[in-house]
Amino acid sequence: PFDDSIADLGKEWKSALAKLKFANSYRMEPLKKF
């Protein structure tokens, strides 16, 4: 977070979730076929 404050984490967690970077799974086939 911009202010490095953990106290305001509850208010900012929704906006912080938009900044998450997920690792690519590189999965080319489904886990369960249709």
PDB file of all heavy atoms in Angstrom:
ATOM      1  N   PRO A   1       0.835  -1.195   0.000  1.00  0.00           N
ATOM      2  CA  PRO A   1       0.000   0.000   0.000  1.00  0.00           C
ATOM      3  C   PRO A   1       0.872   1.248   0.000  1.00  0.00           C
ATOM      4  O   PRO A   1       2.024   1.221   0.417  1.00  0.00           O
ATOM      5  CB  PRO A   1      -0.815  -0.116   1.289  1.00  0.00           C
ATOM      6  CG  PRO A   1      -0.129  -1.137   2.117  1.00  0.00           C
ATOM      7  CD  PRO A   1       0.674  -1.994   1.197  1.00  0.00           C
ATOM      8  N   PHE A   2       0.311   2.363  -0.442  1.00  0.00           N
ATOM      9  CA  PHE A   2       1.086   3.584  -0.594  1.00  0.00           C
ATOM     10  C   PHE A   2       1.616   4.121   0.727  1.00  0.00           C
ATOM     11  O   PHE A   2       2.719   4.620   0.814  1.00  0.00           O
ATOM     12  CB  PHE A   2       0.252   4.660  -1.288  1.00  0.00           C
ATOM     13  CG  PHE A   2      -0.057   4.316  -2.713  1.00  0.00           C
ATOM     14  CD1 PHE A   2      -1.363   4.066  -3.091  1.00  0.00           C
ATOM     15  CD2 PHE A   2       0.935   4.206  -3.658  1.00  0.00           C
ATOM     16  CE1 PHE A   2      -1.659   3.733  -4.397  1.00  0.00           C
ATOM     17  CE2 PHE A   2       0.649   3.877  -4.956  1.00  0.00           C
ATOM     18  CZ  PHE A   2      -0.655   3.643  -5.333  1.00  0.00           C
ATOM     19  N   ASP A   3       0.827   4.012   1.799  1.00  0.00           N
ATOM     20  CA  ASP A   3       1.257   4.589   3.071  1.00  0.00           C
ATOM     21  C   ASP A   3       1.899   3.554   3.993  1.00  0.00           C
ATOM     22  O   ASP A   3       2.248   3.870   5.118  1.00  0.00           O
ATOM     23  CB  ASP A   3       0.084   5.271   3.780  1.00  0.00           C
ATOM     24  CG  ASP A   3      -1.055   4.313   4.057  1.00  0.00           C
ATOM     25  OD1 ASP A   3      -0.965   3.140   3.663  1.00  0.00           O
ATOM     26  OD2 ASP A   3      -2.050   4.758   4.664  1.00  0.00           O
ATOM     27  N   ASP A   4       2.082   2.322   3.557  1.00  0.00           N
ATOM     28  CA  ASP A   4       2.682   1.236   4.334  1.00  0.00           C
ATOM     29  C   ASP A   4       2.010   1.042   5.689  1.00  0.00           C
ATOM     30  O   ASP A   4       2.637   0.663   6.661  1.00  0.00           O
ATOM     31  CB  ASP A   4       4.189   1.467   4.528  1.00  0.00           C
ATOM     32  CG  ASP A   4       4.926   1.386   3.209  1.00  0.00           C
ATOM     33  OD1 ASP A   4       4.483   0.607   2.347  1.00  0.00           O
ATOM     34  OD2 ASP A   4       5.933   2.097   3.044  1.00  0.00           O
ATOM     35  N   SER A   5       0.737   1.324   5.766  1.00  0.00           N
ATOM     36  CA  SER A   5       0.000   1.205   7.013  1.00  0.00           C
ATOM     37  C   SER A   5      -0.815  -0.074   6.996  1.00  0.00           C
ATOM     38  O   SER A   5      -1.626  -0.290   6.116  1.00  0.00           O
ATOM     39  CB  SER A   5      -0.914   2.414   7.182  1.00  0.00           C
ATOM     40  OG  SER A   5      -1.842   2.156   8.190  1.00  0.00           O
ATOM     41  N   ILE A   6      -0.594  -0.923   7.977  1.00  0.00           N
ATOM     42  CA  ILE A   6      -1.362  -2.159   8.089  1.00  0.00           C
ATOM     43  C   ILE A   6      -2.706  -1.886   8.771  1.00  0.00           C
ATOM     44  O   ILE A   6      -3.658  -2.621   8.613  1.00  0.00           O
ATOM     45  CB  ILE A   6      -0.560  -3.219   8.869  1.00  0.00           C
ATOM     46  CG1 ILE A   6       0.757  -3.510   8.160  1.00  0.00           C
ATOM     47  CG2 ILE A   6      -1.348  -4.497   9.028  1.00  0.00           C
ATOM     48  CD1 ILE A   6       0.621  -4.072   6.768  1.00  0.00           C
ATOM     49  N   ALA A   7      -2.811  -0.788   9.520  1.00  0.00           N
ATOM     50  CA  ALA A   7      -4.051  -0.472  10.239  1.00  0.00           C
ATOM     51  C   ALA A   7      -5.210  -0.226   9.289  1.00  0.00           C
ATOM     52  O   ALA A   7      -6.348  -0.558   9.595  1.00  0.00           O
ATOM     53  CB  ALA A   7      -3.835   0.749  11.128  1.00  0.00           C
ATOM     54  N   ASP A   8      -4.949   0.347   8.130  1.00  0.00           N
ATOM     55  CA  ASP A   8      -5.991   0.648   7.165  1.00  0.00           C
ATOM     56  C   ASP A   8      -6.145  -0.458   6.130  1.00  0.00           C
ATOM     57  O   ASP A   8      -6.742  -0.256   5.094  1.00  0.00           O
ATOM     58  CB  ASP A   8      -5.694   1.968   6.455  1.00  0.00           C
ATOM     59  CG  ASP A   8      -5.764   3.148   7.408  1.00  0.00           C
ATOM     60  OD1 ASP A   8      -6.528   3.045   8.390  1.00  0.00           O
ATOM     61  OD2 ASP A   8      -5.065   4.139   7.170  1.00  0.00           O
ATOM     62  N   LEU A   9      -5.592  -1.629   6.421  1.00  0.00           N
ATOM     63  CA  LEU A   9      -5.607  -2.720   5.445  1.00  0.00           C
ATOM     64  C   LEU A   9      -7.023  -3.158   5.102  1.00  0.00           C
ATOM     65  O   LEU A   9      -7.318  -3.477   3.957  1.00  0.00           O
ATOM     66  CB  LEU A   9      -4.821  -3.906   5.999  1.00  0.00           C
ATOM     67  CG  LEU A   9      -4.648  -5.100   5.073  1.00  0.00           C
ATOM     68  CD1 LEU A   9      -3.839  -4.676   3.852  1.00  0.00           C
ATOM     69  CD2 LEU A   9      -3.974  -6.227   5.781  1.00  0.00           C
ATOM     70  N   GLY A  10      -7.938  -3.152   6.083  1.00  0.00           N
ATOM     71  CA  GLY A  10      -9.303  -3.574   5.832  1.00  0.00           C
ATOM     72  C   GLY A  10     -10.009  -2.711   4.817  1.00  0.00           C
ATOM     73  O   GLY A  10     -10.823  -3.186   4.037  1.00  0.00           O
ATOM     74  N   LYS A  11      -9.690  -1.413   4.791  1.00  0.00           N
ATOM     75  CA  LYS A  11     -10.322  -0.505   3.841  1.00  0.00           C
ATOM     76  C   LYS A  11      -9.709  -0.612   2.455  1.00  0.00           C
ATOM     77  O   LYS A  11     -10.374  -0.379   1.459  1.00  0.00           O
ATOM     78  CB  LYS A  11     -10.191   0.938   4.331  1.00  0.00           C
ATOM     79  CG  LYS A  11     -10.868   1.204   5.653  1.00  0.00           C
ATOM     80  CD  LYS A  11     -10.582   2.607   6.122  1.00  0.00           C
ATOM     81  CE  LYS A  11     -11.101   2.818   7.532  1.00  0.00           C
ATOM     82  NZ  LYS A  11     -10.676   4.106   8.075  1.00  0.00           N
ATOM     83  N   GLU A  12      -8.453  -0.962   2.405  1.00  0.00           N
ATOM     84  CA  GLU A  12      -7.732  -0.914   1.127  1.00  0.00           C
ATOM     85  C   GLU A  12      -7.560  -2.271   0.464  1.00  0.00           C
ATOM     86  O   GLU A  12      -6.995  -2.357  -0.616  1.00  0.00           O
ATOM     87  CB  GLU A  12      -6.352  -0.300   1.350  1.00  0.00           C
ATOM     88  CG  GLU A  12      -6.414   1.126   1.823  1.00  0.00           C
ATOM     89  CD  GLU A  12      -5.016   1.679   2.072  1.00  0.00           C
ATOM     90  OE1 GLU A  12      -4.039   0.969   1.772  1.00  0.00           O
ATOM     91  OE2 GLU A  12      -4.924   2.801   2.547  1.00  0.00           O
ATOM     92  N   TRP A  13      -8.013  -3.340   1.090  1.00  0.00           N
ATOM     93  CA  TRP A  13      -7.712  -4.653   0.517  1.00  0.00           C
ATOM     94  C   TRP A  13      -8.363  -4.870  -0.832  1.00  0.00           C
ATOM     95  O   TRP A  13      -7.821  -5.545  -1.693  1.00  0.00           O
ATOM     96  CB  TRP A  13      -8.071  -5.771   1.490  1.00  0.00           C
ATOM     97  CG  TRP A  13      -9.525  -6.066   1.630  1.00  0.00           C
ATOM     98  CD1 TRP A  13     -10.401  -5.453   2.443  1.00  0.00           C
ATOM     99  CD2 TRP A  13     -10.267  -7.035   0.907  1.00  0.00           C
ATOM    100  NE1 TRP A  13     -11.655  -5.976   2.286  1.00  0.00           N
ATOM    101  CE2 TRP A  13     -11.615  -6.955   1.349  1.00  0.00           C
ATOM    102  CE3 TRP A  13      -9.959  -7.976  -0.072  1.00  0.00           C
ATOM    103  CZ2 TRP A  13     -12.602  -7.758   0.848  1.00  0.00           C
ATOM    104  CZ3 TRP A  13     -10.955  -8.784  -0.560  1.00  0.00           C
ATOM    105  CH2 TRP A  13     -12.258  -8.672  -0.105  1.00  0.00           C
ATOM    106  N   LYS A  14      -9.550  -4.270  -1.065  1.00  0.00           N
ATOM    107  CA  LYS A  14     -10.200  -4.434  -2.364  1.00  0.00           C
ATOM    108  C   LYS A  14      -9.409  -3.754  -3.466  1.00  0.00           C
ATOM    109  O   LYS A  14      -9.250  -4.287  -4.554  1.00  0.00           O
ATOM    110  CB  LYS A  14     -11.623  -3.884  -2.320  1.00  0.00           C
ATOM    111  CG  LYS A  14     -12.578  -4.770  -1.562  1.00  0.00           C
ATOM    112  CD  LYS A  14     -13.981  -4.267  -1.662  1.00  0.00           C
ATOM    113  CE  LYS A  14     -14.907  -5.167  -0.861  1.00  0.00           C
ATOM    114  NZ  LYS A  14     -16.264  -4.692  -0.866  1.00  0.00           N
ATOM    115  N   SER A  15      -8.895  -2.565  -3.194  1.00  0.00           N
ATOM    116  CA  SER A  15      -8.100  -1.887  -4.208  1.00  0.00           C
ATOM    117  C   SER A  15      -6.747  -2.572  -4.391  1.00  0.00           C
ATOM    118  O   SER A  15      -6.178  -2.568  -5.476  1.00  0.00           O
ATOM    119  CB  SER A  15      -7.900  -0.411  -3.855  1.00  0.00           C
ATOM    120  OG  SER A  15      -7.164  -0.301  -2.649  1.00  0.00           O
ATOM    121  N   ALA A  16      -6.238  -3.196  -3.325  1.00  0.00           N
ATOM    122  CA  ALA A  16      -4.950  -3.889  -3.434  1.00  0.00           C
ATOM    123  C   ALA A  16      -5.085  -5.175  -4.237  1.00  0.00           C
ATOM    124  O   ALA A  16      -4.140  -5.596  -4.895  1.00  0.00           O
ATOM    125  CB  ALA A  16      -4.399  -4.197  -2.053  1.00  0.00           C
ATOM    126  N   LEU A  17      -6.264  -5.806  -4.189  1.00  0.00           N
ATOM    127  CA  LEU A  17      -6.447  -7.036  -4.956  1.00  0.00           C
ATOM    128  C   LEU A  17      -6.335  -6.788  -6.452  1.00  0.00           C
ATOM    129  O   LEU A  17      -5.928  -7.668  -7.203  1.00  0.00           O
ATOM    130  CB  LEU A  17      -7.808  -7.669  -4.634  1.00  0.00           C
ATOM    131  CG  LEU A  17      -7.900  -8.382  -3.301  1.00  0.00           C
ATOM    132  CD1 LEU A  17      -9.312  -8.895  -3.089  1.00  0.00           C
ATOM    133  CD2 LEU A  17      -6.922  -9.522  -3.225  1.00  0.00           C
ATOM    134  N   ALA A  18      -6.685  -5.602  -6.897  1.00  0.00           N
ATOM    135  CA  ALA A  18      -6.575  -5.290  -8.317  1.00  0.00           C
ATOM    136  C   ALA A  18      -5.127  -5.197  -8.747  1.00  0.00           C
ATOM    137  O   ALA A  18      -4.819  -5.281  -9.928  1.00  0.00           O
ATOM    138  CB  ALA A  18      -7.297  -3.982  -8.621  1.00  0.00           C
ATOM    139  N   LYS A  19      -4.194  -5.028  -7.801  1.00  0.00           N
ATOM    140  CA  LYS A  19      -2.782  -4.884  -8.124  1.00  0.00           C
ATOM    141  C   LYS A  19      -2.022  -6.197  -8.045  1.00  0.00           C
ATOM    142  O   LYS A  19      -0.817  -6.222  -8.219  1.00  0.00           O
ATOM    143  CB  LYS A  19      -2.142  -3.874  -7.162  1.00  0.00           C
ATOM    144  CG  LYS A  19      -2.773  -2.503  -7.230  1.00  0.00           C
ATOM    145  CD  LYS A  19      -2.210  -1.606  -6.168  1.00  0.00           C
ATOM    146  CE  LYS A  19      -2.990  -0.309  -6.127  1.00  0.00           C
ATOM    147  NZ  LYS A  19      -2.569   0.533  -5.024  1.00  0.00           N
ATOM    148  N   LEU A  20      -2.738  -7.317  -7.759  1.00  0.00           N
ATOM    149  CA  LEU A  20      -2.063  -8.610  -7.663  1.00  0.00           C
ATOM    150  C   LEU A  20      -1.565  -9.057  -9.027  1.00  0.00           C
ATOM    151  O   LEU A  20      -2.216  -8.879 -10.038  1.00  0.00           O
ATOM    152  CB  LEU A  20      -3.011  -9.675  -7.128  1.00  0.00           C
ATOM    153  CG  LEU A  20      -3.359  -9.614  -5.654  1.00  0.00           C
ATOM    154  CD1 LEU A  20      -4.363 -10.700  -5.328  1.00  0.00           C
ATOM    155  CD2 LEU A  20      -2.142  -9.773  -4.799  1.00  0.00           C
ATOM    156  N   LYS A  21      -0.400  -9.663  -9.043  1.00  0.00           N
ATOM    157  CA  LYS A  21       0.152 -10.257 -10.254  1.00  0.00           C
ATOM    158  C   LYS A  21       0.162 -11.767 -10.034  1.00  0.00           C
ATOM    159  O   LYS A  21       0.788 -12.254  -9.102  1.00  0.00           O
ATOM    160  CB  LYS A  21       1.580  -9.777 -10.510  1.00  0.00           C
ATOM    161  CG  LYS A  21       1.757  -8.280 -10.497  1.00  0.00           C
ATOM    162  CD  LYS A  21       1.167  -7.659 -11.717  1.00  0.00           C
ATOM    163  CE  LYS A  21       1.470  -6.164 -11.678  1.00  0.00           C
ATOM    164  NZ  LYS A  21       0.768  -5.408 -12.614  1.00  0.00           N
ATOM    165  N   PHE A  22      -0.568 -12.514 -10.867  1.00  0.00           N
ATOM    166  CA  PHE A  22      -0.642 -13.956 -10.720  1.00  0.00           C
ATOM    167  C   PHE A  22       0.376 -14.629 -11.637  1.00  0.00           C
ATOM    168  O   PHE A  22       0.623 -14.176 -12.751  1.00  0.00           O
ATOM    169  CB  PHE A  22      -2.039 -14.471 -11.062  1.00  0.00           C
ATOM    170  CG  PHE A  22      -3.080 -14.047 -10.076  1.00  0.00           C
ATOM    171  CD1 PHE A  22      -3.998 -13.069 -10.393  1.00  0.00           C
ATOM    172  CD2 PHE A  22      -3.125 -14.625  -8.825  1.00  0.00           C
ATOM    173  CE1 PHE A  22      -4.946 -12.682  -9.482  1.00  0.00           C
ATOM    174  CE2 PHE A  22      -4.077 -14.251  -7.904  1.00  0.00           C
ATOM    175  CZ  PHE A  22      -4.989 -13.276  -8.229  1.00  0.00           C
ATOM    176  N   ALA A  23       0.934 -15.710 -11.151  1.00  0.00           N
ATOM    177  CA  ALA A  23       1.844 -16.493 -11.963  1.00  0.00           C
ATOM    178  C   ALA A  23       1.050 -17.219 -13.038  1.00  0.00           C
ATOM    179  O   ALA A  23      -0.061 -17.673 -12.805  1.00  0.00           O
ATOM    180  CB  ALA A  23       2.586 -17.502 -11.086  1.00  0.00           C
ATOM    181  N   ASN A  24       1.611 -17.333 -14.223  1.00  0.00           N
ATOM    182  CA  ASN A  24       0.946 -18.010 -15.320  1.00  0.00           C
ATOM    183  C   ASN A  24       0.983 -19.512 -15.071  1.00  0.00           C
ATOM    184  O   ASN A  24       2.009 -20.067 -14.706  1.00  0.00           O
ATOM    185  CB  ASN A  24       1.644 -17.673 -16.641  1.00  0.00           C
ATOM    186  CG  ASN A  24       0.813 -18.053 -17.831  1.00  0.00           C
ATOM    187  OD1 ASN A  24      -0.123 -18.832 -17.724  1.00  0.00           O
ATOM    188  ND2 ASN A  24       1.141 -17.510 -18.970  1.00  0.00           N
ATOM    189  N   SER A  25      -0.145 -20.167 -15.283  1.00  0.00           N
ATOM    190  CA  SER A  25      -0.205 -21.606 -15.029  1.00  0.00           C
ATOM    191  C   SER A  25       0.338 -22.418 -16.201  1.00  0.00           C
ATOM    192  O   SER A  25       0.674 -23.574 -16.043  1.00  0.00           O
ATOM    193  CB  SER A  25      -1.645 -22.030 -14.744  1.00  0.00           C
ATOM    194  OG  SER A  25      -2.426 -21.890 -15.909  1.00  0.00           O
ATOM    195  N   TYR A  26       0.381 -21.830 -17.381  1.00  0.00           N
ATOM    196  CA  TYR A  26       0.851 -22.501 -18.595  1.00  0.00           C
ATOM    197  C   TYR A  26       0.080 -23.781 -18.882  1.00  0.00           C
ATOM    198  O   TYR A  26       0.576 -24.684 -19.507  1.00  0.00           O
ATOM    199  CB  TYR A  26       2.362 -22.797 -18.526  1.00  0.00           C
ATOM    200  CG  TYR A  26       3.185 -21.555 -18.403  1.00  0.00           C
ATOM    201  CD1 TYR A  26       3.758 -21.188 -17.205  1.00  0.00           C
ATOM    202  CD2 TYR A  26       3.359 -20.725 -19.497  1.00  0.00           C
ATOM    203  CE1 TYR A  26       4.495 -20.027 -17.093  1.00  0.00           C
ATOM    204  CE2 TYR A  26       4.097 -19.561 -19.395  1.00  0.00           C
ATOM    205  CZ  TYR A  26       4.663 -19.224 -18.194  1.00  0.00           C
ATOM    206  OH  TYR A  26       5.382 -18.078 -18.086  1.00  0.00           O
ATOM    207  N   ARG A  27      -1.138 -23.856 -18.421  1.00  0.00           N
ATOM    208  CA  ARG A  27      -1.966 -25.033 -18.662  1.00  0.00           C
ATOM    209  C   ARG A  27      -2.627 -24.884 -20.024  1.00  0.00           C
ATOM    210  O   ARG A  27      -3.336 -23.931 -20.271  1.00  0.00           O
ATOM    211  CB  ARG A  27      -3.011 -25.181 -17.569  1.00  0.00           C
ATOM    212  CG  ARG A  27      -3.930 -26.380 -17.789  1.00  0.00           C
ATOM    213  CD  ARG A  27      -4.796 -26.643 -16.604  1.00  0.00           C
ATOM    214  NE  ARG A  27      -4.032 -27.056 -15.458  1.00  0.00           N
ATOM    215  CZ  ARG A  27      -3.589 -28.307 -15.280  1.00  0.00           C
ATOM    216  NH1 ARG A  27      -3.826 -29.224 -16.190  1.00  0.00           N
ATOM    217  NH2 ARG A  27      -2.914 -28.631 -14.207  1.00  0.00           N
ATOM    218  N   MET A  28      -2.411 -25.861 -20.891  1.00  0.00           N
ATOM    219  CA  MET A  28      -2.960 -25.821 -22.239  1.00  0.00           C
ATOM    220  C   MET A  28      -4.158 -26.743 -22.414  1.00  0.00           C
ATOM    221  O   MET A  28      -4.805 -26.727 -23.444  1.00  0.00           O
ATOM    222  CB  MET A  28      -1.885 -26.191 -23.267  1.00  0.00           C
ATOM    223  CG  MET A  28      -0.689 -25.257 -23.241  1.00  0.00           C
ATOM    224  SD  MET A  28      -1.125 -23.552 -23.564  1.00  0.00           S
ATOM    225  CE  MET A  28      -1.502 -23.623 -25.284  1.00  0.00           C
ATOM    226  N   GLU A  29      -4.458 -27.570 -21.416  1.00  0.00           N
ATOM    227  CA  GLU A  29      -5.595 -28.470 -21.492  1.00  0.00           C
ATOM    228  C   GLU A  29      -6.405 -28.346 -20.209  1.00  0.00           C
ATOM    229  O   GLU A  29      -5.881 -27.941 -19.177  1.00  0.00           O
ATOM    230  CB  GLU A  29      -5.156 -29.917 -21.719  1.00  0.00           C
ATOM    231  CG  GLU A  29      -4.450 -30.555 -20.553  1.00  0.00           C
ATOM    232  CD  GLU A  29      -2.962 -30.236 -20.495  1.00  0.00           C
ATOM    233  OE1 GLU A  29      -2.411 -29.728 -21.459  1.00  0.00           O
ATOM    234  OE2 GLU A  29      -2.375 -30.492 -19.441  1.00  0.00           O
ATOM    235  N   PRO A  30      -7.689 -28.681 -20.260  1.00  0.00           N
ATOM    236  CA  PRO A  30      -8.526 -28.544 -19.063  1.00  0.00           C
ATOM    237  C   PRO A  30      -8.207 -29.605 -18.013  1.00  0.00           C
ATOM    238  O   PRO A  30      -7.726 -30.689 -18.340  1.00  0.00           O
ATOM    239  CB  PRO A  30      -9.947 -28.720 -19.602  1.00  0.00           C
ATOM    240  CG  PRO A  30      -9.783 -29.495 -20.848  1.00  0.00           C
ATOM    241  CD  PRO A  30      -8.445 -29.118 -21.423  1.00  0.00           C
ATOM    242  N   LEU A  31      -8.481 -29.268 -16.761  1.00  0.00           N
ATOM    243  CA  LEU A  31      -8.336 -30.255 -15.692  1.00  0.00           C
ATOM    244  C   LEU A  31      -9.357 -31.376 -15.862  1.00  0.00           C
ATOM    245  O   LEU A  31      -9.088 -32.537 -15.582  1.00  0.00           O
ATOM    246  CB  LEU A  31      -8.549 -29.586 -14.324  1.00  0.00           C
ATOM    247  CG  LEU A  31      -7.508 -28.557 -13.916  1.00  0.00           C
ATOM    248  CD1 LEU A  31      -7.960 -27.819 -12.664  1.00  0.00           C
ATOM    249  CD2 LEU A  31      -6.170 -29.227 -13.686  1.00  0.00           C
ATOM    250  N   LYS A  32     -10.552 -31.003 -16.318  1.00  0.00           N
ATOM    251  CA  LYS A  32     -11.645 -31.962 -16.521  1.00  0.00           C
ATOM    252  C   LYS A  32     -12.270 -31.656 -17.875  1.00  0.00           C
ATOM    253  O   LYS A  32     -12.778 -30.559 -18.090  1.00  0.00           O
ATOM    254  CB  LYS A  32     -12.652 -31.786 -15.389  1.00  0.00           C
ATOM    255  CG  LYS A  32     -13.846 -32.679 -15.432  1.00  0.00           C
ATOM    256  CD  LYS A  32     -14.707 -32.397 -14.200  1.00  0.00           C
ATOM    257  CE  LYS A  32     -16.068 -33.014 -14.322  1.00  0.00           C
ATOM    258  NZ  LYS A  32     -16.917 -32.652 -13.196  1.00  0.00           N
ATOM    259  N   LYS A  33     -12.202 -32.602 -18.798  1.00  0.00           N
ATOM    260  CA  LYS A  33     -12.742 -32.392 -20.134  1.00  0.00           C
ATOM    261  C   LYS A  33     -14.272 -32.387 -20.095  1.00  0.00           C
ATOM    262  O   LYS A  33     -14.884 -33.083 -19.296  1.00  0.00           O
ATOM    263  CB  LYS A  33     -12.244 -33.476 -21.080  1.00  0.00           C
ATOM    264  CG  LYS A  33     -12.574 -33.192 -22.519  1.00  0.00           C
ATOM    265  CD  LYS A  33     -11.950 -34.175 -23.465  1.00  0.00           C
ATOM    266  CE  LYS A  33     -12.391 -33.824 -24.868  1.00  0.00           C
ATOM    267  NZ  LYS A  33     -11.920 -34.757 -25.845  1.00  0.00           N
ATOM    268  N   PHE A  34     -14.869 -31.592 -20.957  1.00  0.00           N
ATOM    269  CA  PHE A  34     -16.317 -31.461 -21.058  1.00  0.00           C
ATOM    270  C   PHE A  34     -16.939 -32.809 -21.417  1.00  0.00           C
ATOM    271  O   PHE A  34     -16.583 -33.420 -22.423  1.00  0.00           O
ATOM    272  CB  PHE A  34     -16.653 -30.411 -22.117  1.00  0.00           C
ATOM    273  CG  PHE A  34     -18.105 -30.107 -22.235  1.00  0.00           C
ATOM    274  CD1 PHE A  34     -18.745 -29.313 -21.295  1.00  0.00           C
ATOM    275  CD2 PHE A  34     -18.850 -30.595 -23.295  1.00  0.00           C
ATOM    276  CE1 PHE A  34     -20.090 -29.024 -21.401  1.00  0.00           C
ATOM    277  CE2 PHE A  34     -20.192 -30.309 -23.412  1.00  0.00           C
ATOM    278  CZ  PHE A  34     -20.808 -29.517 -22.463  1.00  0.00           C
TER     279      PHE A  34
END
